[in-house]
């Protein structure tokens, strides 16, 4: 798939929080389109930028902080705070999440 097709396929789905862990506020979102399922990277990155949107296995997620990571990066979440030091994680088990491509968000 082209980068534009990956973004389109990724933003077609509504995801459900299946688990929260790895980092505070990191939600494992299930319902990834089978065309986007990839294994984790063979060599994890030493640093992934905070708010990076990523995929690995059957999940997608948003890195709440800069950290090491072995998922494939798709882009950056804009206007989203997955974790607040005072409030905790923004997402809980069963919550539903939908990603909107920035160009689509600008026109709506």
C-alpha atoms as a PDB file:
ATOM      1  CA  UNK A   1       0.000   0.000   0.000  1.00  0.00           C
ATOM      2  CA  UNK A   2       1.125   3.551  -0.622  1.00  0.00           C
ATOM      3  CA  UNK A   3       1.545   5.872   2.399  1.00  0.00           C
ATOM      4  CA  UNK A   4      -1.753   7.598   1.509  1.00  0.00           C
ATOM      5  CA  UNK A   5      -3.531   4.230   1.316  1.00  0.00           C
ATOM      6  CA  UNK A   6      -2.117   3.192   4.707  1.00  0.00           C
ATOM      7  CA  UNK A   7      -3.465   6.405   6.265  1.00  0.00           C
ATOM      8  CA  UNK A   8      -6.843   5.902   4.582  1.00  0.00           C
ATOM      9  CA  UNK A   9      -7.131   2.250   5.690  1.00  0.00           C
ATOM     10  CA  UNK A  10      -5.973   3.080   9.233  1.00  0.00           C
ATOM     11  CA  UNK A  11      -8.501   5.906   9.619  1.00  0.00           C
ATOM     12  CA  UNK A  12     -11.470   3.869   8.273  1.00  0.00           C
ATOM     13  CA  UNK A  13     -11.809   1.848  11.480  1.00  0.00           C
ATOM     14  CA  UNK A  14     -13.122   2.481  14.955  1.00  0.00           C
ATOM     15  CA  UNK A  15     -10.707   0.885  17.421  1.00  0.00           C
ATOM     16  CA  UNK A  16     -11.415  -0.452  20.907  1.00  0.00           C
ATOM     17  CA  UNK A  17      -9.030  -0.229  23.856  1.00  0.00           C
ATOM     18  CA  UNK A  18      -8.053  -3.852  24.541  1.00  0.00           C
ATOM     19  CA  UNK A  19      -5.386  -3.130  27.169  1.00  0.00           C
ATOM     20  CA  UNK A  20      -3.461  -0.251  28.713  1.00  0.00           C
ATOM     21  CA  UNK A  21       0.178  -0.752  29.568  1.00  0.00           C
ATOM     22  CA  UNK A  22       3.806  -0.671  28.389  1.00  0.00           C
ATOM     23  CA  UNK A  23       3.834   3.029  29.347  1.00  0.00           C
ATOM     24  CA  UNK A  24       1.280   4.991  31.391  1.00  0.00           C
ATOM     25  CA  UNK A  25      -1.425   5.967  28.907  1.00  0.00           C
ATOM     26  CA  UNK A  26      -0.348   3.579  26.146  1.00  0.00           C
ATOM     27  CA  UNK A  27      -3.544   1.917  24.915  1.00  0.00           C
ATOM     28  CA  UNK A  28      -3.447  -1.203  22.765  1.00  0.00           C
ATOM     29  CA  UNK A  29      -6.214  -0.540  20.247  1.00  0.00           C
ATOM     30  CA  UNK A  30      -7.713  -3.596  18.542  1.00  0.00           C
ATOM     31  CA  UNK A  31      -9.529  -3.930  15.198  1.00  0.00           C
ATOM     32  CA  UNK A  32      -6.568  -3.115  12.948  1.00  0.00           C
ATOM     33  CA  UNK A  33      -7.345  -3.858   9.314  1.00  0.00           C
ATOM     34  CA  UNK A  34      -5.652  -7.165   8.352  1.00  0.00           C
ATOM     35  CA  UNK A  35      -3.892  -5.392   5.472  1.00  0.00           C
ATOM     36  CA  UNK A  36      -1.922  -3.370   8.038  1.00  0.00           C
ATOM     37  CA  UNK A  37      -0.931  -6.209  10.369  1.00  0.00           C
ATOM     38  CA  UNK A  38       2.868  -6.413  10.656  1.00  0.00           C
ATOM     39  CA  UNK A  39       5.130  -8.038  13.230  1.00  0.00           C
ATOM     40  CA  UNK A  40       7.086  -5.788  15.554  1.00  0.00           C
ATOM     41  CA  UNK A  41      10.298  -4.422  14.084  1.00  0.00           C
ATOM     42  CA  UNK A  42      13.265  -6.797  14.325  1.00  0.00           C
ATOM     43  CA  UNK A  43      15.306  -3.982  15.898  1.00  0.00           C
ATOM     44  CA  UNK A  44      13.372  -1.559  18.099  1.00  0.00           C
ATOM     45  CA  UNK A  45      14.151   2.132  17.833  1.00  0.00           C
ATOM     46  CA  UNK A  46      16.012   3.608  20.797  1.00  0.00           C
ATOM     47  CA  UNK A  47      13.661   6.601  20.778  1.00  0.00           C
ATOM     48  CA  UNK A  48      10.165   7.104  19.404  1.00  0.00           C
ATOM     49  CA  UNK A  49       8.751  10.625  19.562  1.00  0.00           C
ATOM     50  CA  UNK A  50       5.819  11.262  21.900  1.00  0.00           C
ATOM     51  CA  UNK A  51       2.395  11.066  20.177  1.00  0.00           C
ATOM     52  CA  UNK A  52       3.673   8.818  17.399  1.00  0.00           C
ATOM     53  CA  UNK A  53       0.885   6.671  15.938  1.00  0.00           C
ATOM     54  CA  UNK A  54       2.118   3.131  15.373  1.00  0.00           C
ATOM     55  CA  UNK A  55       1.085  -0.424  14.476  1.00  0.00           C
ATOM     56  CA  UNK A  56       2.361  -3.879  15.437  1.00  0.00           C
ATOM     57  CA  UNK A  57       0.632  -7.228  15.206  1.00  0.00           C
ATOM     58  CA  UNK A  58      -3.140  -6.726  15.329  1.00  0.00           C
ATOM     59  CA  UNK A  59      -2.879  -3.431  17.276  1.00  0.00           C
ATOM     60  CA  UNK A  60      -2.446   0.279  16.786  1.00  0.00           C
ATOM     61  CA  UNK A  61      -1.591   2.815  19.455  1.00  0.00           C
ATOM     62  CA  UNK A  62      -0.173   6.218  20.326  1.00  0.00           C
ATOM     63  CA  UNK A  63       3.108   6.541  22.229  1.00  0.00           C
ATOM     64  CA  UNK A  64       2.229   8.886  25.131  1.00  0.00           C
ATOM     65  CA  UNK A  65       5.878   9.772  25.840  1.00  0.00           C
ATOM     66  CA  UNK A  66       9.183   9.644  24.012  1.00  0.00           C
ATOM     67  CA  UNK A  67      10.468   6.113  24.635  1.00  0.00           C
ATOM     68  CA  UNK A  68      12.086   3.135  22.979  1.00  0.00           C
ATOM     69  CA  UNK A  69       9.706   1.249  20.731  1.00  0.00           C
ATOM     70  CA  UNK A  70       9.480  -1.559  18.239  1.00  0.00           C
ATOM     71  CA  UNK A  71       6.270  -0.679  16.406  1.00  0.00           C
ATOM     72  CA  UNK A  72       5.979   0.647  12.844  1.00  0.00           C
ATOM     73  CA  UNK A  73       5.314   4.393  12.804  1.00  0.00           C
ATOM     74  CA  UNK A  74       2.479   5.886  10.746  1.00  0.00           C
ATOM     75  CA  UNK A  75       2.368   9.524  11.815  1.00  0.00           C
ATOM     76  CA  UNK A  76       1.693  11.844  14.739  1.00  0.00           C
ATOM     77  CA  UNK A  77      -1.463  12.307  16.803  1.00  0.00           C
ATOM     78  CA  UNK A  78      -2.450  15.967  16.848  1.00  0.00           C
ATOM     79  CA  UNK A  79      -4.625  17.463  19.572  1.00  0.00           C
ATOM     80  CA  UNK A  80      -4.549  14.322  21.690  1.00  0.00           C
ATOM     81  CA  UNK A  81      -3.197  13.791  25.210  1.00  0.00           C
ATOM     82  CA  UNK A  82      -3.134  10.057  26.066  1.00  0.00           C
ATOM     83  CA  UNK A  83      -1.788  10.701  29.574  1.00  0.00           C
ATOM     84  CA  UNK A  84      -1.963  13.567  32.053  1.00  0.00           C
ATOM     85  CA  UNK A  85       0.207  13.425  35.185  1.00  0.00           C
ATOM     86  CA  UNK A  86      -2.695  14.636  37.341  1.00  0.00           C
ATOM     87  CA  UNK A  87      -5.585  12.798  35.650  1.00  0.00           C
ATOM     88  CA  UNK A  88      -3.828   9.589  34.550  1.00  0.00           C
ATOM     89  CA  UNK A  89      -4.595   7.678  31.352  1.00  0.00           C
ATOM     90  CA  UNK A  90      -7.101   9.257  28.974  1.00  0.00           C
ATOM     91  CA  UNK A  91      -8.340   5.868  27.758  1.00  0.00           C
ATOM     92  CA  UNK A  92      -9.818   2.892  29.581  1.00  0.00           C
ATOM     93  CA  UNK A  93     -10.681  -0.670  28.587  1.00  0.00           C
ATOM     94  CA  UNK A  94     -13.536  -0.720  26.091  1.00  0.00           C
ATOM     95  CA  UNK A  95     -13.196   2.935  25.022  1.00  0.00           C
ATOM     96  CA  UNK A  96     -13.541   3.504  21.302  1.00  0.00           C
ATOM     97  CA  UNK A  97     -11.065   5.540  19.261  1.00  0.00           C
ATOM     98  CA  UNK A  98     -11.158   6.796  15.697  1.00  0.00           C
ATOM     99  CA  UNK A  99      -8.203   8.371  13.911  1.00  0.00           C
ATOM    100  CA  UNK A 100      -8.887  11.145  11.415  1.00  0.00           C
ATOM    101  CA  UNK A 101      -6.297  12.037   8.780  1.00  0.00           C
ATOM    102  CA  UNK A 102      -5.145  15.618   9.309  1.00  0.00           C
ATOM    103  CA  UNK A 103      -6.179  16.677   5.803  1.00  0.00           C
ATOM    104  CA  UNK A 104      -9.674  15.249   6.418  1.00  0.00           C
ATOM    105  CA  UNK A 105      -9.888  16.959   9.810  1.00  0.00           C
ATOM    106  CA  UNK A 106      -8.999  20.319   8.243  1.00  0.00           C
ATOM    107  CA  UNK A 107     -11.890  20.087   5.782  1.00  0.00           C
ATOM    108  CA  UNK A 108     -14.580  18.961   8.245  1.00  0.00           C
END
